[in-house]
Amino acid sequence: MANHELTLTHLNIRQSIAILLTKLVLVDLIFAFIVVGFYYVLVLGEGFLIVDSGNTTIFLTSFGISGAIKILLSIFIVLQWLNEYYEITPENIIHKKGIIFRKTEEYRLNLVRSMDVQDTFLGEIFNFGTITLYDIRLKKYLDMYLIHNPRRYAHVLQTVRPEIEMKKGSVRLPFIKQEENGREDDEEE
């Protein structure tokens, strides 16, 4: 069997699907509270409102409008998630975002000097985190914010550009005592 070499032309990285699902669930919960609240205002607030609570047209119209707004907001969240991504090529990291008005930020990969991966407890569970890169020319940090599997993409970046200094990322886990002064790190080496 012949040995095939894989060449990286570009790699697209999006925010974690867990973050998208969290946003969509929050939209559902908020609109559920709005609908329930509106229902109780109409039913229990009969004395304060001139409107008859038995009027089904008001119920159907208000629930239909809130349902349409929820659907439009959900579509906006999904489109925003689809249209914001980081494209990694052997020379650049390009951050593209925007649904109608597209914005592009470009960072030269050979000018990136350090990389740090930040995780949280939930990030470890759902496999998302943030990769922070430092561009020495722009003197600016680029946060690849809440992306899926950040350690794998950090490894890819380090494979493409081995001169990038990788800061040792750590995870703060609740309920687990953290060793002080890096003694835990010294024992691992």
C-alpha atoms as a PDB file:
ATOM      1  CA  MET A   1       0.000   0.000   0.000  1.00  0.00           C
ATOM      2  CA  ALA A   2       1.317   3.444  -0.889  1.00  0.00           C
ATOM      3  CA  ASN A   3       1.860   6.014   1.842  1.00  0.00           C
ATOM      4  CA  HIS A   4      -0.471   8.970   1.159  1.00  0.00           C
ATOM      5  CA  GLU A   5       0.458  12.342   2.565  1.00  0.00           C
ATOM      6  CA  LEU A   6      -2.294  14.671   3.684  1.00  0.00           C
ATOM      7  CA  THR A   7      -1.976  18.328   2.724  1.00  0.00           C
ATOM      8  CA  LEU A   8      -3.855  21.019   4.620  1.00  0.00           C
ATOM      9  CA  THR A   9      -5.318  23.660   2.313  1.00  0.00           C
ATOM     10  CA  HIS A  10      -7.752  25.116   4.830  1.00  0.00           C
ATOM     11  CA  LEU A  11      -9.660  24.142   7.932  1.00  0.00           C
ATOM     12  CA  ASN A  12     -12.903  25.749   9.129  1.00  0.00           C
ATOM     13  CA  ILE A  13     -13.581  25.922  12.852  1.00  0.00           C
ATOM     14  CA  ARG A  14     -16.919  27.007  14.309  1.00  0.00           C
ATOM     15  CA  GLN A  15     -18.168  27.651  17.784  1.00  0.00           C
ATOM     16  CA  SER A  16     -19.178  24.463  19.585  1.00  0.00           C
ATOM     17  CA  ILE A  17     -22.564  22.969  18.773  1.00  0.00           C
ATOM     18  CA  ALA A  18     -23.187  22.789  22.538  1.00  0.00           C
ATOM     19  CA  ILE A  19     -23.145  26.603  22.664  1.00  0.00           C
ATOM     20  CA  LEU A  20     -25.609  26.798  19.743  1.00  0.00           C
ATOM     21  CA  LEU A  21     -27.952  24.335  21.443  1.00  0.00           C
ATOM     22  CA  THR A  22     -27.700  26.265  24.724  1.00  0.00           C
ATOM     23  CA  LYS A  23     -28.704  29.490  22.963  1.00  0.00           C
ATOM     24  CA  LEU A  24     -31.654  27.792  21.273  1.00  0.00           C
ATOM     25  CA  VAL A  25     -32.842  26.207  24.531  1.00  0.00           C
ATOM     26  CA  LEU A  26     -32.595  29.594  26.287  1.00  0.00           C
ATOM     27  CA  VAL A  27     -34.712  31.202  23.545  1.00  0.00           C
ATOM     28  CA  ASP A  28     -37.319  28.455  24.014  1.00  0.00           C
ATOM     29  CA  LEU A  29     -37.360  28.936  27.789  1.00  0.00           C
ATOM     30  CA  ILE A  30     -37.654  32.721  27.555  1.00  0.00           C
ATOM     31  CA  PHE A  31     -40.545  32.515  25.117  1.00  0.00           C
ATOM     32  CA  ALA A  32     -42.246  29.828  27.227  1.00  0.00           C
ATOM     33  CA  PHE A  33     -42.144  32.220  30.199  1.00  0.00           C
ATOM     34  CA  ILE A  34     -43.455  35.060  28.026  1.00  0.00           C
ATOM     35  CA  VAL A  35     -46.364  32.951  26.739  1.00  0.00           C
ATOM     36  CA  VAL A  36     -47.260  31.659  30.196  1.00  0.00           C
ATOM     37  CA  GLY A  37     -46.976  35.174  31.623  1.00  0.00           C
ATOM     38  CA  PHE A  38     -49.156  36.606  28.857  1.00  0.00           C
ATOM     39  CA  TYR A  39     -51.733  33.866  29.416  1.00  0.00           C
ATOM     40  CA  TYR A  40     -51.960  34.630  33.136  1.00  0.00           C
ATOM     41  CA  VAL A  41     -52.222  38.371  32.473  1.00  0.00           C
ATOM     42  CA  LEU A  42     -55.139  37.745  30.106  1.00  0.00           C
ATOM     43  CA  VAL A  43     -56.904  35.210  32.336  1.00  0.00           C
ATOM     44  CA  LEU A  44     -56.206  36.581  35.815  1.00  0.00           C
ATOM     45  CA  GLY A  45     -56.061  40.230  34.839  1.00  0.00           C
ATOM     46  CA  GLU A  46     -59.656  40.356  33.557  1.00  0.00           C
ATOM     47  CA  GLY A  47     -60.522  43.018  36.079  1.00  0.00           C
ATOM     48  CA  PHE A  48     -57.664  45.267  34.961  1.00  0.00           C
ATOM     49  CA  LEU A  49     -58.081  44.816  31.233  1.00  0.00           C
ATOM     50  CA  ILE A  50     -61.020  45.747  29.085  1.00  0.00           C
ATOM     51  CA  VAL A  51     -60.394  42.628  26.985  1.00  0.00           C
ATOM     52  CA  ASP A  52     -62.626  39.569  27.405  1.00  0.00           C
ATOM     53  CA  SER A  53     -60.434  36.546  28.251  1.00  0.00           C
ATOM     54  CA  GLY A  54     -62.778  34.237  26.357  1.00  0.00           C
ATOM     55  CA  ASN A  55     -61.878  35.886  23.078  1.00  0.00           C
ATOM     56  CA  THR A  56     -59.900  33.195  21.240  1.00  0.00           C
ATOM     57  CA  THR A  57     -58.805  35.629  18.549  1.00  0.00           C
ATOM     58  CA  ILE A  58     -56.645  37.517  21.035  1.00  0.00           C
ATOM     59  CA  PHE A  59     -55.117  34.277  22.322  1.00  0.00           C
ATOM     60  CA  LEU A  60     -54.388  32.913  18.865  1.00  0.00           C
ATOM     61  CA  THR A  61     -52.998  36.213  17.584  1.00  0.00           C
ATOM     62  CA  SER A  62     -50.718  36.787  20.575  1.00  0.00           C
ATOM     63  CA  PHE A  63     -49.421  33.202  20.602  1.00  0.00           C
ATOM     64  CA  GLY A  64     -48.982  33.256  16.832  1.00  0.00           C
ATOM     65  CA  ILE A  65     -46.984  36.485  16.969  1.00  0.00           C
ATOM     66  CA  SER A  66     -44.790  35.245  19.821  1.00  0.00           C
ATOM     67  CA  GLY A  67     -44.277  31.932  17.982  1.00  0.00           C
ATOM     68  CA  ALA A  68     -43.252  33.745  14.787  1.00  0.00           C
ATOM     69  CA  ILE A  69     -40.817  35.961  16.725  1.00  0.00           C
ATOM     70  CA  LYS A  70     -39.329  32.868  18.402  1.00  0.00           C
ATOM     71  CA  ILE A  71     -38.888  31.132  15.049  1.00  0.00           C
ATOM     72  CA  LEU A  72     -37.250  34.218  13.509  1.00  0.00           C
ATOM     73  CA  LEU A  73     -34.933  34.600  16.498  1.00  0.00           C
ATOM     74  CA  SER A  74     -33.977  30.904  16.305  1.00  0.00           C
ATOM     75  CA  ILE A  75     -33.248  31.231  12.576  1.00  0.00           C
ATOM     76  CA  PHE A  76     -31.101  34.302  13.293  1.00  0.00           C
ATOM     77  CA  ILE A  77     -29.104  32.412  15.962  1.00  0.00           C
ATOM     78  CA  VAL A  78     -28.478  29.466  13.622  1.00  0.00           C
ATOM     79  CA  LEU A  79     -27.503  31.742  10.705  1.00  0.00           C
ATOM     80  CA  GLN A  80     -25.171  33.685  12.979  1.00  0.00           C
ATOM     81  CA  TRP A  81     -23.548  30.400  14.091  1.00  0.00           C
ATOM     82  CA  LEU A  82     -23.169  29.215  10.486  1.00  0.00           C
ATOM     83  CA  ASN A  83     -21.659  32.497   9.294  1.00  0.00           C
ATOM     84  CA  GLU A  84     -19.052  32.957  12.028  1.00  0.00           C
ATOM     85  CA  TYR A  85     -16.011  30.736  11.703  1.00  0.00           C
ATOM     86  CA  TYR A  86     -12.241  30.668  11.703  1.00  0.00           C
ATOM     87  CA  GLU A  87     -10.493  29.505   8.547  1.00  0.00           C
ATOM     88  CA  ILE A  88      -6.979  28.193   9.072  1.00  0.00           C
ATOM     89  CA  THR A  89      -4.633  27.958   6.103  1.00  0.00           C
ATOM     90  CA  PRO A  90      -0.893  27.209   6.209  1.00  0.00           C
ATOM     91  CA  GLU A  91      -0.245  30.985   6.058  1.00  0.00           C
ATOM     92  CA  ASN A  92      -3.219  32.692   7.765  1.00  0.00           C
ATOM     93  CA  ILE A  93      -5.982  32.515  10.293  1.00  0.00           C
ATOM     94  CA  ILE A  94      -9.052  34.288   8.943  1.00  0.00           C
ATOM     95  CA  HIS A  95     -11.974  35.153  11.213  1.00  0.00           C
ATOM     96  CA  LYS A  96     -15.165  35.613   9.179  1.00  0.00           C
ATOM     97  CA  LYS A  97     -18.453  36.745  10.660  1.00  0.00           C
ATOM     98  CA  GLY A  98     -21.667  38.489   9.759  1.00  0.00           C
ATOM     99  CA  ILE A  99     -24.875  37.485   8.042  1.00  0.00           C
ATOM    100  CA  ILE A 100     -25.510  40.475   5.790  1.00  0.00           C
ATOM    101  CA  PHE A 101     -22.539  42.728   6.483  1.00  0.00           C
ATOM    102  CA  ARG A 102     -19.541  40.377   6.335  1.00  0.00           C
ATOM    103  CA  LYS A 103     -16.498  41.231   8.425  1.00  0.00           C
ATOM    104  CA  THR A 104     -13.130  39.536   7.907  1.00  0.00           C
ATOM    105  CA  GLU A 105     -10.073  39.739  10.154  1.00  0.00           C
ATOM    106  CA  GLU A 106      -6.846  38.184   8.917  1.00  0.00           C
ATOM    107  CA  TYR A 107      -3.886  37.139  11.037  1.00  0.00           C
ATOM    108  CA  ARG A 108      -0.579  35.944   9.579  1.00  0.00           C
ATOM    109  CA  LEU A 109       0.258  32.594  11.127  1.00  0.00           C
ATOM    110  CA  ASN A 110       4.006  33.241  10.979  1.00  0.00           C
ATOM    111  CA  LEU A 111       3.494  36.289  13.238  1.00  0.00           C
ATOM    112  CA  VAL A 112       1.651  34.352  15.928  1.00  0.00           C
ATOM    113  CA  ARG A 113       4.073  33.736  18.801  1.00  0.00           C
ATOM    114  CA  SER A 114       2.027  32.232  21.590  1.00  0.00           C
ATOM    115  CA  MET A 115      -1.031  30.077  22.017  1.00  0.00           C
ATOM    116  CA  ASP A 116      -3.066  29.308  25.105  1.00  0.00           C
ATOM    117  CA  VAL A 117      -6.004  26.921  25.514  1.00  0.00           C
ATOM    118  CA  GLN A 118      -8.540  27.801  28.208  1.00  0.00           C
ATOM    119  CA  ASP A 119     -11.070  25.300  29.458  1.00  0.00           C
ATOM    120  CA  THR A 120     -13.760  25.382  32.084  1.00  0.00           C
ATOM    121  CA  PHE A 121     -15.473  22.568  33.916  1.00  0.00           C
ATOM    122  CA  LEU A 122     -18.411  22.617  31.464  1.00  0.00           C
ATOM    123  CA  GLY A 123     -15.952  22.933  28.596  1.00  0.00           C
ATOM    124  CA  GLU A 124     -14.277  19.709  29.664  1.00  0.00           C
ATOM    125  CA  ILE A 125     -17.622  17.929  29.882  1.00  0.00           C
ATOM    126  CA  PHE A 126     -18.961  19.181  26.519  1.00  0.00           C
ATOM    127  CA  ASN A 127     -15.518  19.429  24.837  1.00  0.00           C
ATOM    128  CA  PHE A 128     -15.313  23.140  24.093  1.00  0.00           C
ATOM    129  CA  GLY A 129     -12.904  25.911  25.013  1.00  0.00           C
ATOM    130  CA  THR A 130     -11.106  29.005  23.799  1.00  0.00           C
ATOM    131  CA  ILE A 131      -7.779  29.199  22.001  1.00  0.00           C
ATOM    132  CA  THR A 132      -6.026  32.542  22.483  1.00  0.00           C
ATOM    133  CA  LEU A 133      -3.335  33.499  19.970  1.00  0.00           C
ATOM    134  CA  TYR A 134      -1.031  36.526  20.149  1.00  0.00           C
ATOM    135  CA  ASP A 135      -0.077  38.349  16.928  1.00  0.00           C
ATOM    136  CA  ILE A 136       3.193  40.274  17.444  1.00  0.00           C
ATOM    137  CA  ARG A 137       2.692  42.559  14.439  1.00  0.00           C
ATOM    138  CA  LEU A 138      -0.766  43.751  15.451  1.00  0.00           C
ATOM    139  CA  LYS A 139       0.013  43.399  19.180  1.00  0.00           C
ATOM    140  CA  LYS A 140      -3.413  41.897  19.461  1.00  0.00           C
ATOM    141  CA  TYR A 141      -4.941  38.744  20.887  1.00  0.00           C
ATOM    142  CA  LEU A 142      -7.216  36.572  18.779  1.00  0.00           C
ATOM    143  CA  ASP A 143      -9.668  34.486  20.749  1.00  0.00           C
ATOM    144  CA  MET A 144     -11.092  31.510  18.938  1.00  0.00           C
ATOM    145  CA  TYR A 145     -14.032  31.656  21.306  1.00  0.00           C
ATOM    146  CA  LEU A 146     -15.777  28.520  22.633  1.00  0.00           C
ATOM    147  CA  ILE A 147     -14.791  26.267  19.734  1.00  0.00           C
ATOM    148  CA  HIS A 148     -15.312  22.536  19.673  1.00  0.00           C
ATOM    149  CA  ASN A 149     -12.309  20.400  20.651  1.00  0.00           C
ATOM    150  CA  PRO A 150      -9.775  23.219  21.190  1.00  0.00           C
ATOM    151  CA  ARG A 151      -6.901  20.897  22.109  1.00  0.00           C
ATOM    152  CA  ARG A 152      -7.091  19.140  18.746  1.00  0.00           C
ATOM    153  CA  TYR A 153      -7.026  22.435  16.852  1.00  0.00           C
ATOM    154  CA  ALA A 154      -4.168  23.709  19.021  1.00  0.00           C
ATOM    155  CA  HIS A 155      -2.260  20.570  18.050  1.00  0.00           C
ATOM    156  CA  VAL A 156      -3.043  21.223  14.361  1.00  0.00           C
ATOM    157  CA  LEU A 157      -1.776  24.808  14.678  1.00  0.00           C
ATOM    158  CA  GLN A 158       1.366  23.628  16.395  1.00  0.00           C
ATOM    159  CA  THR A 159       1.921  21.036  13.662  1.00  0.00           C
ATOM    160  CA  VAL A 160       1.551  23.686  10.944  1.00  0.00           C
ATOM    161  CA  ARG A 161       3.760  26.194  12.822  1.00  0.00           C
ATOM    162  CA  PRO A 162       5.999  24.438  15.383  1.00  0.00           C
ATOM    163  CA  GLU A 163       7.585  27.733  16.477  1.00  0.00           C
ATOM    164  CA  ILE A 164       4.359  28.832  18.214  1.00  0.00           C
ATOM    165  CA  GLU A 165       4.930  28.778  21.969  1.00  0.00           C
ATOM    166  CA  MET A 166       2.234  26.699  23.616  1.00  0.00           C
ATOM    167  CA  LYS A 167       1.383  27.873  27.080  1.00  0.00           C
ATOM    168  CA  LYS A 168       0.407  25.002  29.290  1.00  0.00           C
ATOM    169  CA  GLY A 169      -3.356  25.186  29.588  1.00  0.00           C
ATOM    170  CA  SER A 170      -5.030  24.222  32.793  1.00  0.00           C
ATOM    171  CA  VAL A 171      -8.551  23.470  33.793  1.00  0.00           C
ATOM    172  CA  ARG A 172     -10.025  24.677  37.032  1.00  0.00           C
ATOM    173  CA  LEU A 173     -12.259  21.888  38.228  1.00  0.00           C
ATOM    174  CA  PRO A 174     -14.564  22.539  41.148  1.00  0.00           C
ATOM    175  CA  PHE A 175     -14.423  20.199  44.135  1.00  0.00           C
ATOM    176  CA  ILE A 176     -10.815  19.184  43.330  1.00  0.00           C
ATOM    177  CA  LYS A 177      -8.036  20.736  45.370  1.00  0.00           C
ATOM    178  CA  GLN A 178      -5.537  22.571  43.147  1.00  0.00           C
ATOM    179  CA  GLU A 179      -1.854  22.154  43.983  1.00  0.00           C
ATOM    180  CA  GLU A 180       0.028  25.387  44.570  1.00  0.00           C
ATOM    181  CA  ASN A 181       3.207  26.670  42.883  1.00  0.00           C
ATOM    182  CA  GLY A 182       3.009  24.186  40.022  1.00  0.00           C
ATOM    183  CA  ARG A 183       3.985  21.167  42.156  1.00  0.00           C
ATOM    184  CA  GLU A 184       1.502  19.050  40.240  1.00  0.00           C
ATOM    185  CA  ASP A 185       3.174  20.040  36.960  1.00  0.00           C
ATOM    186  CA  ASP A 186       6.634  19.184  38.269  1.00  0.00           C
ATOM    187  CA  GLU A 187       5.506  15.705  39.311  1.00  0.00           C
ATOM    188  CA  GLU A 188       4.138  14.943  35.829  1.00  0.00           C
ATOM    189  CA  GLU A 189       7.430  15.730  34.055  1.00  0.00           C
END
